[in-house]
Amino acid sequence: MRIPGLIDPHVHLREPGATHKEDWDTGTAAALTGGFTAVLAMPNTQPPVTDLETLDAVYAIAEKKAHCDYAQYLGAGPDNVLEAAKAASGAAGSETLSGSDLWPAAAG
């Protein structure tokens, strides 16, 4: 019997910045153990993923450490509309909070 792999659309891998909680290596290995073949990571890292530079940095880490397929959400708010638009085509989607000032606090 064949069962398709699952997709987890909401994971907190916390790399860069809070790898004591989880990182691309441990999070994606755990995902595979549970039958998930793809994960979509939330943007609450340190620094938060809110522009093309941080999106590319996270993808560089994931490329080296991920054990399954992946994509990264982009943090969007009223203060980074233009930056988020430039990075949108490379992101899984966006997570929008009421203010971009919340993004640094969200990574903790």
PDB file of N, CA and C in Angstrom:
ATOM      1  N   MET A   1       0.834  -1.166   0.000  1.00  0.00           N
ATOM      2  CA  MET A   1       0.000   0.000   0.000  1.00  0.00           C
ATOM      3  C   MET A   1       0.887   1.239   0.000  1.00  0.00           C
ATOM      4  N   ARG A   2       0.536   2.216  -0.807  1.00  0.00           N
ATOM      5  CA  ARG A   2       1.268   3.475  -0.848  1.00  0.00           C
ATOM      6  C   ARG A   2       0.409   4.578  -0.261  1.00  0.00           C
ATOM      7  N   ILE A   3       1.035   5.368   0.562  1.00  0.00           N
ATOM      8  CA  ILE A   3       0.359   6.504   1.177  1.00  0.00           C
ATOM      9  C   ILE A   3       1.177   7.747   0.827  1.00  0.00           C
ATOM     10  N   PRO A   4       0.557   8.789   0.329  1.00  0.00           N
ATOM     11  CA  PRO A   4       1.325   9.988  -0.017  1.00  0.00           C
ATOM     12  C   PRO A   4       1.896  10.663   1.227  1.00  0.00           C
ATOM     13  N   GLY A   5       3.000  11.358   1.034  1.00  0.00           N
ATOM     14  CA  GLY A   5       3.584  12.119   2.129  1.00  0.00           C
ATOM     15  C   GLY A   5       2.686  13.272   2.513  1.00  0.00           C
ATOM     16  N   LEU A   6       2.762  13.645   3.761  1.00  0.00           N
ATOM     17  CA  LEU A   6       1.957  14.759   4.268  1.00  0.00           C
ATOM     18  C   LEU A   6       2.741  16.062   4.159  1.00  0.00           C
ATOM     19  N   ILE A   7       2.015  17.169   4.176  1.00  0.00           N
ATOM     20  CA  ILE A   7       2.621  18.501   4.177  1.00  0.00           C
ATOM     21  C   ILE A   7       2.203  19.199   5.461  1.00  0.00           C
ATOM     22  N   ASP A   8       3.179  19.674   6.218  1.00  0.00           N
ATOM     23  CA  ASP A   8       2.877  20.457   7.421  1.00  0.00           C
ATOM     24  C   ASP A   8       2.987  21.927   7.045  1.00  0.00           C
ATOM     25  N   PRO A   9       1.867  22.630   6.961  1.00  0.00           N
ATOM     26  CA  PRO A   9       1.894  24.008   6.484  1.00  0.00           C
ATOM     27  C   PRO A   9       2.216  25.056   7.550  1.00  0.00           C
ATOM     28  N   HIS A  10       2.588  24.622   8.763  1.00  0.00           N
ATOM     29  CA  HIS A  10       2.818  25.603   9.825  1.00  0.00           C
ATOM     30  C   HIS A  10       3.830  25.042  10.829  1.00  0.00           C
ATOM     31  N   VAL A  11       5.120  25.253  10.541  1.00  0.00           N
ATOM     32  CA  VAL A  11       6.163  24.808  11.456  1.00  0.00           C
ATOM     33  C   VAL A  11       6.983  26.009  11.908  1.00  0.00           C
ATOM     34  N   HIS A  12       7.595  25.882  13.077  1.00  0.00           N
ATOM     35  CA  HIS A  12       8.453  26.929  13.635  1.00  0.00           C
ATOM     36  C   HIS A  12       9.853  26.349  13.783  1.00  0.00           C
ATOM     37  N   LEU A  13      10.676  26.524  12.768  1.00  0.00           N
ATOM     38  CA  LEU A  13      12.019  25.950  12.798  1.00  0.00           C
ATOM     39  C   LEU A  13      13.029  26.856  13.486  1.00  0.00           C
ATOM     40  N   ARG A  14      12.744  28.125  13.631  1.00  0.00           N
ATOM     41  CA  ARG A  14      13.479  29.089  14.456  1.00  0.00           C
ATOM     42  C   ARG A  14      14.945  29.293  14.098  1.00  0.00           C
ATOM     43  N   GLU A  15      15.320  28.914  12.886  1.00  0.00           N
ATOM     44  CA  GLU A  15      16.692  29.155  12.469  1.00  0.00           C
ATOM     45  C   GLU A  15      16.690  30.114  11.300  1.00  0.00           C
ATOM     46  N   PRO A  16      17.427  31.223  11.419  1.00  0.00           N
ATOM     47  CA  PRO A  16      18.425  31.549  12.419  1.00  0.00           C
ATOM     48  C   PRO A  16      17.835  32.146  13.693  1.00  0.00           C
ATOM     49  N   GLY A  17      18.617  32.110  14.736  1.00  0.00           N
ATOM     50  CA  GLY A  17      18.295  32.864  15.934  1.00  0.00           C
ATOM     51  C   GLY A  17      17.927  32.119  17.180  1.00  0.00           C
ATOM     52  N   ALA A  18      17.151  31.066  17.104  1.00  0.00           N
ATOM     53  CA  ALA A  18      16.715  30.379  18.326  1.00  0.00           C
ATOM     54  C   ALA A  18      16.832  28.865  18.134  1.00  0.00           C
ATOM     55  N   THR A  19      18.009  28.441  17.715  1.00  0.00           N
ATOM     56  CA  THR A  19      18.193  27.025  17.405  1.00  0.00           C
ATOM     57  C   THR A  19      18.133  26.124  18.629  1.00  0.00           C
ATOM     58  N   HIS A  20      18.149  26.698  19.818  1.00  0.00           N
ATOM     59  CA  HIS A  20      17.962  25.879  21.019  1.00  0.00           C
ATOM     60  C   HIS A  20      16.531  25.342  21.086  1.00  0.00           C
ATOM     61  N   LYS A  21      15.621  25.954  20.330  1.00  0.00           N
ATOM     62  CA  LYS A  21      14.236  25.481  20.277  1.00  0.00           C
ATOM     63  C   LYS A  21      14.064  24.445  19.168  1.00  0.00           C
ATOM     64  N   GLU A  22      14.571  24.753  17.968  1.00  0.00           N
ATOM     65  CA  GLU A  22      14.519  23.831  16.842  1.00  0.00           C
ATOM     66  C   GLU A  22      15.290  24.455  15.697  1.00  0.00           C
ATOM     67  N   ASP A  23      15.758  23.611  14.788  1.00  0.00           N
ATOM     68  CA  ASP A  23      16.442  24.113  13.603  1.00  0.00           C
ATOM     69  C   ASP A  23      16.020  23.290  12.388  1.00  0.00           C
ATOM     70  N   TRP A  24      16.588  23.620  11.239  1.00  0.00           N
ATOM     71  CA  TRP A  24      16.206  22.924  10.007  1.00  0.00           C
ATOM     72  C   TRP A  24      16.570  21.449  10.049  1.00  0.00           C
ATOM     73  N   ASP A  25      17.650  21.101  10.692  1.00  0.00           N
ATOM     74  CA  ASP A  25      18.062  19.706  10.791  1.00  0.00           C
ATOM     75  C   ASP A  25      17.080  18.900  11.640  1.00  0.00           C
ATOM     76  N   THR A  26      16.867  19.315  12.878  1.00  0.00           N
ATOM     77  CA  THR A  26      16.020  18.533  13.791  1.00  0.00           C
ATOM     78  C   THR A  26      14.544  18.594  13.396  1.00  0.00           C
ATOM     79  N   GLY A  27      14.089  19.759  12.962  1.00  0.00           N
ATOM     80  CA  GLY A  27      12.675  19.906  12.621  1.00  0.00           C
ATOM     81  C   GLY A  27      12.264  19.100  11.405  1.00  0.00           C
ATOM     82  N   THR A  28      13.117  19.103  10.377  1.00  0.00           N
ATOM     83  CA  THR A  28      12.752  18.352   9.175  1.00  0.00           C
ATOM     84  C   THR A  28      12.980  16.855   9.352  1.00  0.00           C
ATOM     85  N   ALA A  29      13.956  16.473  10.177  1.00  0.00           N
ATOM     86  CA  ALA A  29      14.130  15.042  10.475  1.00  0.00           C
ATOM     87  C   ALA A  29      12.915  14.518  11.236  1.00  0.00           C
ATOM     88  N   ALA A  30      12.424  15.302  12.181  1.00  0.00           N
ATOM     89  CA  ALA A  30      11.225  14.910  12.929  1.00  0.00           C
ATOM     90  C   ALA A  30      10.006  14.848  12.015  1.00  0.00           C
ATOM     91  N   ALA A  31       9.920  15.772  11.079  1.00  0.00           N
ATOM     92  CA  ALA A  31       8.806  15.766  10.131  1.00  0.00           C
ATOM     93  C   ALA A  31       8.792  14.463   9.333  1.00  0.00           C
ATOM     94  N   LEU A  32       9.943  14.062   8.824  1.00  0.00           N
ATOM     95  CA  LEU A  32      10.019  12.815   8.058  1.00  0.00           C
ATOM     96  C   LEU A  32       9.642  11.611   8.912  1.00  0.00           C
ATOM     97  N   THR A  33      10.080  11.608  10.152  1.00  0.00           N
ATOM     98  CA  THR A  33       9.743  10.512  11.063  1.00  0.00           C
ATOM     99  C   THR A  33       8.235  10.376  11.217  1.00  0.00           C
ATOM    100  N   GLY A  34       7.536  11.496  11.189  1.00  0.00           N
ATOM    101  CA  GLY A  34       6.083  11.492  11.325  1.00  0.00           C
ATOM    102  C   GLY A  34       5.324  11.344  10.019  1.00  0.00           C
ATOM    103  N   GLY A  35       6.023  11.144   8.914  1.00  0.00           N
ATOM    104  CA  GLY A  35       5.356  10.955   7.634  1.00  0.00           C
ATOM    105  C   GLY A  35       5.151  12.217   6.821  1.00  0.00           C
ATOM    106  N   PHE A  36       5.735  13.316   7.266  1.00  0.00           N
ATOM    107  CA  PHE A  36       5.626  14.579   6.544  1.00  0.00           C
ATOM    108  C   PHE A  36       6.811  14.715   5.598  1.00  0.00           C
ATOM    109  N   THR A  37       6.542  14.912   4.319  1.00  0.00           N
ATOM    110  CA  THR A  37       7.607  15.027   3.336  1.00  0.00           C
ATOM    111  C   THR A  37       7.876  16.470   2.922  1.00  0.00           C
ATOM    112  N   ALA A  38       7.103  17.401   3.445  1.00  0.00           N
ATOM    113  CA  ALA A  38       7.314  18.822   3.167  1.00  0.00           C
ATOM    114  C   ALA A  38       6.825  19.648   4.349  1.00  0.00           C
ATOM    115  N   VAL A  39       7.540  20.735   4.622  1.00  0.00           N
ATOM    116  CA  VAL A  39       7.156  21.658   5.693  1.00  0.00           C
ATOM    117  C   VAL A  39       7.164  23.080   5.140  1.00  0.00           C
ATOM    118  N   LEU A  40       6.305  23.914   5.688  1.00  0.00           N
ATOM    119  CA  LEU A  40       6.269  25.334   5.365  1.00  0.00           C
ATOM    120  C   LEU A  40       6.575  26.089   6.653  1.00  0.00           C
ATOM    121  N   ALA A  41       7.721  26.757   6.682  1.00  0.00           N
ATOM    122  CA  ALA A  41       8.218  27.377   7.907  1.00  0.00           C
ATOM    123  C   ALA A  41       7.677  28.787   8.096  1.00  0.00           C
ATOM    124  N   MET A  42       7.308  29.094   9.315  1.00  0.00           N
ATOM    125  CA  MET A  42       6.814  30.418   9.669  1.00  0.00           C
ATOM    126  C   MET A  42       7.990  31.393   9.780  1.00  0.00           C
ATOM    127  N   PRO A  43       7.747  32.687   9.653  1.00  0.00           N
ATOM    128  CA  PRO A  43       8.832  33.663   9.558  1.00  0.00           C
ATOM    129  C   PRO A  43       9.373  34.194  10.886  1.00  0.00           C
ATOM    130  N   ASN A  44       8.972  33.617  12.001  1.00  0.00           N
ATOM    131  CA  ASN A  44       9.394  34.183  13.286  1.00  0.00           C
ATOM    132  C   ASN A  44      10.752  33.637  13.716  1.00  0.00           C
ATOM    133  N   THR A  45      11.759  34.071  12.982  1.00  0.00           N
ATOM    134  CA  THR A  45      13.144  33.768  13.282  1.00  0.00           C
ATOM    135  C   THR A  45      13.796  35.047  13.785  1.00  0.00           C
ATOM    136  N   GLN A  46      15.095  34.991  14.061  1.00  0.00           N
ATOM    137  CA  GLN A  46      15.798  36.185  14.498  1.00  0.00           C
ATOM    138  C   GLN A  46      17.021  36.376  13.620  1.00  0.00           C
ATOM    139  N   PRO A  47      17.032  37.240  12.664  1.00  0.00           N
ATOM    140  CA  PRO A  47      15.989  38.221  12.395  1.00  0.00           C
ATOM    141  C   PRO A  47      14.785  37.584  11.706  1.00  0.00           C
ATOM    142  N   PRO A  48      13.639  38.213  11.818  1.00  0.00           N
ATOM    143  CA  PRO A  48      12.450  37.673  11.165  1.00  0.00           C
ATOM    144  C   PRO A  48      12.565  37.740   9.645  1.00  0.00           C
ATOM    145  N   VAL A  49      11.916  36.821   8.973  1.00  0.00           N
ATOM    146  CA  VAL A  49      11.959  36.750   7.509  1.00  0.00           C
ATOM    147  C   VAL A  49      10.912  37.732   6.965  1.00  0.00           C
ATOM    148  N   THR A  50      11.373  38.918   6.604  1.00  0.00           N
ATOM    149  CA  THR A  50      10.462  39.974   6.161  1.00  0.00           C
ATOM    150  C   THR A  50      10.874  40.630   4.858  1.00  0.00           C
ATOM    151  N   ASP A  51      11.964  40.155   4.240  1.00  0.00           N
ATOM    152  CA  ASP A  51      12.422  40.748   2.984  1.00  0.00           C
ATOM    153  C   ASP A  51      13.228  39.712   2.210  1.00  0.00           C
ATOM    154  N   LEU A  52      13.679  40.091   1.030  1.00  0.00           N
ATOM    155  CA  LEU A  52      14.402  39.170   0.161  1.00  0.00           C
ATOM    156  C   LEU A  52      15.720  38.707   0.782  1.00  0.00           C
ATOM    157  N   GLU A  53      16.410  39.602   1.460  1.00  0.00           N
ATOM    158  CA  GLU A  53      17.689  39.256   2.084  1.00  0.00           C
ATOM    159  C   GLU A  53      17.521  38.165   3.143  1.00  0.00           C
ATOM    160  N   THR A  54      16.555  38.322   4.043  1.00  0.00           N
ATOM    161  CA  THR A  54      16.370  37.307   5.085  1.00  0.00           C
ATOM    162  C   THR A  54      15.765  36.029   4.518  1.00  0.00           C
ATOM    163  N   LEU A  55      14.917  36.144   3.495  1.00  0.00           N
ATOM    164  CA  LEU A  55      14.365  34.956   2.848  1.00  0.00           C
ATOM    165  C   LEU A  55      15.479  34.142   2.204  1.00  0.00           C
ATOM    166  N   ASP A  56      16.363  34.801   1.475  1.00  0.00           N
ATOM    167  CA  ASP A  56      17.487  34.098   0.856  1.00  0.00           C
ATOM    168  C   ASP A  56      18.402  33.469   1.896  1.00  0.00           C
ATOM    169  N   ALA A  57      18.626  34.153   3.005  1.00  0.00           N
ATOM    170  CA  ALA A  57      19.485  33.614   4.062  1.00  0.00           C
ATOM    171  C   ALA A  57      18.897  32.334   4.660  1.00  0.00           C
ATOM    172  N   VAL A  58      17.590  32.335   4.892  1.00  0.00           N
ATOM    173  CA  VAL A  58      16.938  31.148   5.443  1.00  0.00           C
ATOM    174  C   VAL A  58      16.967  30.004   4.433  1.00  0.00           C
ATOM    175  N   TYR A  59      16.723  30.297   3.180  1.00  0.00           N
ATOM    176  CA  TYR A  59      16.788  29.246   2.158  1.00  0.00           C
ATOM    177  C   TYR A  59      18.201  28.673   2.035  1.00  0.00           C
ATOM    178  N   ALA A  60      19.227  29.478   2.223  1.00  0.00           N
ATOM    179  CA  ALA A  60      20.607  28.974   2.182  1.00  0.00           C
ATOM    180  C   ALA A  60      20.856  27.987   3.318  1.00  0.00           C
ATOM    181  N   ILE A  61      20.326  28.285   4.493  1.00  0.00           N
ATOM    182  CA  ILE A  61      20.446  27.369   5.628  1.00  0.00           C
ATOM    183  C   ILE A  61      19.676  26.089   5.340  1.00  0.00           C
ATOM    184  N   ALA A  62      18.443  26.234   4.876  1.00  0.00           N
ATOM    185  CA  ALA A  62      17.595  25.075   4.611  1.00  0.00           C
ATOM    186  C   ALA A  62      18.212  24.166   3.553  1.00  0.00           C
ATOM    187  N   GLU A  63      18.810  24.752   2.536  1.00  0.00           N
ATOM    188  CA  GLU A  63      19.409  23.957   1.465  1.00  0.00           C
ATOM    189  C   GLU A  63      20.493  23.022   2.001  1.00  0.00           C
ATOM    190  N   LYS A  64      21.219  23.471   3.015  1.00  0.00           N
ATOM    191  CA  LYS A  64      22.297  22.670   3.596  1.00  0.00           C
ATOM    192  C   LYS A  64      21.799  21.658   4.628  1.00  0.00           C
ATOM    193  N   LYS A  65      20.690  21.970   5.326  1.00  0.00           N
ATOM    194  CA  LYS A  65      20.326  21.174   6.496  1.00  0.00           C
ATOM    195  C   LYS A  65      19.004  20.420   6.418  1.00  0.00           C
ATOM    196  N   ALA A  66      18.116  20.801   5.516  1.00  0.00           N
ATOM    197  CA  ALA A  66      16.780  20.190   5.495  1.00  0.00           C
ATOM    198  C   ALA A  66      16.837  18.754   4.974  1.00  0.00           C
ATOM    199  N   HIS A  67      15.996  17.910   5.567  1.00  0.00           N
ATOM    200  CA  HIS A  67      15.892  16.502   5.183  1.00  0.00           C
ATOM    201  C   HIS A  67      14.655  16.223   4.341  1.00  0.00           C
ATOM    202  N   CYS A  68      13.808  17.212   4.145  1.00  0.00           N
ATOM    203  CA  CYS A  68      12.597  17.028   3.351  1.00  0.00           C
ATOM    204  C   CYS A  68      12.368  18.295   2.524  1.00  0.00           C
ATOM    205  N   ASP A  69      11.346  18.279   1.720  1.00  0.00           N
ATOM    206  CA  ASP A  69      11.003  19.466   0.943  1.00  0.00           C
ATOM    207  C   ASP A  69      10.531  20.577   1.881  1.00  0.00           C
ATOM    208  N   TYR A  70      10.664  21.806   1.444  1.00  0.00           N
ATOM    209  CA  TYR A  70      10.350  22.937   2.322  1.00  0.00           C
ATOM    210  C   TYR A  70      10.005  24.173   1.519  1.00  0.00           C
ATOM    211  N   ALA A  71       9.390  25.099   2.204  1.00  0.00           N
ATOM    212  CA  ALA A  71       9.192  26.462   1.718  1.00  0.00           C
ATOM    213  C   ALA A  71       9.117  27.357   2.948  1.00  0.00           C
ATOM    214  N   GLN A  72       9.260  28.647   2.745  1.00  0.00           N
ATOM    215  CA  GLN A  72       9.335  29.607   3.840  1.00  0.00           C
ATOM    216  C   GLN A  72       8.268  30.675   3.669  1.00  0.00           C
ATOM    217  N   TYR A  73       7.524  30.945   4.734  1.00  0.00           N
ATOM    218  CA  TYR A  73       6.596  32.075   4.733  1.00  0.00           C
ATOM    219  C   TYR A  73       7.378  33.366   4.931  1.00  0.00           C
ATOM    220  N   LEU A  74       6.768  34.461   4.519  1.00  0.00           N
ATOM    221  CA  LEU A  74       7.325  35.788   4.662  1.00  0.00           C
ATOM    222  C   LEU A  74       6.477  36.562   5.659  1.00  0.00           C
ATOM    223  N   GLY A  75       7.115  37.243   6.587  1.00  0.00           N
ATOM    224  CA  GLY A  75       6.392  38.094   7.519  1.00  0.00           C
ATOM    225  C   GLY A  75       6.025  39.404   6.836  1.00  0.00           C
ATOM    226  N   ALA A  76       4.772  39.772   6.889  1.00  0.00           N
ATOM    227  CA  ALA A  76       4.320  40.987   6.217  1.00  0.00           C
ATOM    228  C   ALA A  76       3.558  41.872   7.192  1.00  0.00           C
ATOM    229  N   GLY A  77       3.748  43.145   7.039  1.00  0.00           N
ATOM    230  CA  GLY A  77       3.049  44.117   7.879  1.00  0.00           C
ATOM    231  C   GLY A  77       3.047  45.457   7.179  1.00  0.00           C
ATOM    232  N   PRO A  78       2.441  46.445   7.777  1.00  0.00           N
ATOM    233  CA  PRO A  78       2.315  47.744   7.113  1.00  0.00           C
ATOM    234  C   PRO A  78       3.645  48.450   6.866  1.00  0.00           C
ATOM    235  N   ASP A  79       4.700  48.062   7.570  1.00  0.00           N
ATOM    236  CA  ASP A  79       5.982  48.748   7.421  1.00  0.00           C
ATOM    237  C   ASP A  79       6.922  48.090   6.421  1.00  0.00           C
ATOM    238  N   ASN A  80       6.550  46.931   5.860  1.00  0.00           N
ATOM    239  CA  ASN A  80       7.462  46.293   4.908  1.00  0.00           C
ATOM    240  C   ASN A  80       6.749  45.846   3.633  1.00  0.00           C
ATOM    241  N   VAL A  81       5.745  46.574   3.226  1.00  0.00           N
ATOM    242  CA  VAL A  81       4.956  46.196   2.051  1.00  0.00           C
ATOM    243  C   VAL A  81       5.829  46.083   0.802  1.00  0.00           C
ATOM    244  N   LEU A  82       6.654  47.064   0.533  1.00  0.00           N
ATOM    245  CA  LEU A  82       7.479  47.035  -0.673  1.00  0.00           C
ATOM    246  C   LEU A  82       8.514  45.916  -0.624  1.00  0.00           C
ATOM    247  N   GLU A  83       9.149  45.736   0.528  1.00  0.00           N
ATOM    248  CA  GLU A  83      10.149  44.683   0.671  1.00  0.00           C
ATOM    249  C   GLU A  83       9.502  43.301   0.528  1.00  0.00           C
ATOM    250  N   ALA A  84       8.345  43.122   1.133  1.00  0.00           N
ATOM    251  CA  ALA A  84       7.643  41.843   1.043  1.00  0.00           C
ATOM    252  C   ALA A  84       7.218  41.553  -0.396  1.00  0.00           C
ATOM    253  N   ALA A  85       6.791  42.554  -1.116  1.00  0.00           N
ATOM    254  CA  ALA A  85       6.374  42.366  -2.506  1.00  0.00           C
ATOM    255  C   ALA A  85       7.539  41.883  -3.364  1.00  0.00           C
ATOM    256  N   LYS A  86       8.738  42.384  -3.115  1.00  0.00           N
ATOM    257  CA  LYS A  86       9.916  41.971  -3.877  1.00  0.00           C
ATOM    258  C   LYS A  86      10.272  40.507  -3.621  1.00  0.00           C
ATOM    259  N   ALA A  87       9.961  40.015  -2.434  1.00  0.00           N
ATOM    260  CA  ALA A  87      10.324  38.651  -2.057  1.00  0.00           C
ATOM    261  C   ALA A  87       9.188  37.655  -2.237  1.00  0.00           C
ATOM    262  N   ALA A  88       8.005  38.129  -2.546  1.00  0.00           N
ATOM    263  CA  ALA A  88       6.803  37.289  -2.538  1.00  0.00           C
ATOM    264  C   ALA A  88       6.892  36.074  -3.445  1.00  0.00           C
ATOM    265  N   SER A  89       7.498  36.193  -4.605  1.00  0.00           N
ATOM    266  CA  SER A  89       7.512  35.065  -5.544  1.00  0.00           C
ATOM    267  C   SER A  89       8.330  33.891  -5.026  1.00  0.00           C
ATOM    268  N   GLY A  90       9.218  34.128  -4.072  1.00  0.00           N
ATOM    269  CA  GLY A  90      10.023  33.050  -3.520  1.00  0.00           C
ATOM    270  C   GLY A  90       9.496  32.472  -2.228  1.00  0.00           C
ATOM    271  N   ALA A  91       8.386  32.991  -1.750  1.00  0.00           N
ATOM    272  CA  ALA A  91       7.847  32.569  -0.461  1.00  0.00           C
ATOM    273  C   ALA A  91       6.644  31.647  -0.629  1.00  0.00           C
ATOM    274  N   ALA A  92       6.386  30.863   0.410  1.00  0.00           N
ATOM    275  CA  ALA A  92       5.214  29.978   0.420  1.00  0.00           C
ATOM    276  C   ALA A  92       3.927  30.785   0.540  1.00  0.00           C
ATOM    277  N   GLY A  93       4.027  31.940   1.144  1.00  0.00           N
ATOM    278  CA  GLY A  93       2.886  32.802   1.413  1.00  0.00           C
ATOM    279  C   GLY A  93       3.348  33.832   2.417  1.00  0.00           C
ATOM    280  N   SER A  94       2.418  34.515   3.033  1.00  0.00           N
ATOM    281  CA  SER A  94       2.808  35.502   4.035  1.00  0.00           C
ATOM    282  C   SER A  94       1.977  35.337   5.291  1.00  0.00           C
ATOM    283  N   GLU A  95       2.594  35.692   6.378  1.00  0.00           N
ATOM    284  CA  GLU A  95       1.888  35.774   7.655  1.00  0.00           C
ATOM    285  C   GLU A  95       1.837  37.255   7.983  1.00  0.00           C
ATOM    286  N   THR A  96       0.653  37.766   8.181  1.00  0.00           N
ATOM    287  CA  THR A  96       0.484  39.190   8.410  1.00  0.00           C
ATOM    288  C   THR A  96       0.085  39.444   9.850  1.00  0.00           C
ATOM    289  N   LEU A  97       0.818  40.332  10.478  1.00  0.00           N
ATOM    290  CA  LEU A  97       0.483  40.785  11.825  1.00  0.00           C
ATOM    291  C   LEU A  97       0.053  42.235  11.738  1.00  0.00           C
ATOM    292  N   SER A  98      -0.500  42.734  12.807  1.00  0.00           N
ATOM    293  CA  SER A  98      -1.036  44.089  12.765  1.00  0.00           C
ATOM    294  C   SER A  98       0.030  45.164  12.703  1.00  0.00           C
ATOM    295  N   GLY A  99       1.265  44.815  12.958  1.00  0.00           N
ATOM    296  CA  GLY A  99       2.348  45.782  12.865  1.00  0.00           C
ATOM    297  C   GLY A  99       3.673  45.075  12.776  1.00  0.00           C
ATOM    298  N   SER A 100       4.548  45.557  11.913  1.00  0.00           N
ATOM    299  CA  SER A 100       5.835  44.890  11.758  1.00  0.00           C
ATOM    300  C   SER A 100       6.682  45.039  13.009  1.00  0.00           C
ATOM    301  N   ASP A 101       6.321  45.979  13.901  1.00  0.00           N
ATOM    302  CA  ASP A 101       7.050  46.105  15.155  1.00  0.00           C
ATOM    303  C   ASP A 101       6.873  44.850  16.019  1.00  0.00           C
ATOM    304  N   LEU A 102       5.882  44.026  15.707  1.00  0.00           N
ATOM    305  CA  LEU A 102       5.666  42.792  16.456  1.00  0.00           C
ATOM    306  C   LEU A 102       6.624  41.687  16.033  1.00  0.00           C
ATOM    307  N   TRP A 103       7.212  41.763  14.839  1.00  0.00           N
ATOM    308  CA  TRP A 103       8.032  40.664  14.342  1.00  0.00           C
ATOM    309  C   TRP A 103       9.236  40.369  15.218  1.00  0.00           C
ATOM    310  N   PRO A 104      10.032  41.329  15.668  1.00  0.00           N
ATOM    311  CA  PRO A 104      11.157  40.960  16.536  1.00  0.00           C
ATOM    312  C   PRO A 104      10.707  40.272  17.819  1.00  0.00           C
ATOM    313  N   ALA A 105       9.615  40.701  18.407  1.00  0.00           N
ATOM    314  CA  ALA A 105       9.126  40.081  19.637  1.00  0.00           C
ATOM    315  C   ALA A 105       8.610  38.663  19.382  1.00  0.00           C
ATOM    316  N   ALA A 106       8.092  38.422  18.196  1.00  0.00           N
ATOM    317  CA  ALA A 106       7.528  37.114  17.870  1.00  0.00           C
ATOM    318  C   ALA A 106       8.593  36.036  17.774  1.00  0.00           C
ATOM    319  N   ALA A 107       9.833  36.424  17.555  1.00  0.00           N
ATOM    320  CA  ALA A 107      10.894  35.424  17.362  1.00  0.00           C
ATOM    321  C   ALA A 107      11.376  34.809  18.668  1.00  0.00           C
ATOM    322  N   GLY A 108      11.111  35.448  19.790  1.00  0.00           N
ATOM    323  CA  GLY A 108      11.616  35.007  21.077  1.00  0.00           C
ATOM    324  C   GLY A 108      11.284  33.681  21.483  1.00  0.00           C
TER     325      GLY A 108
END
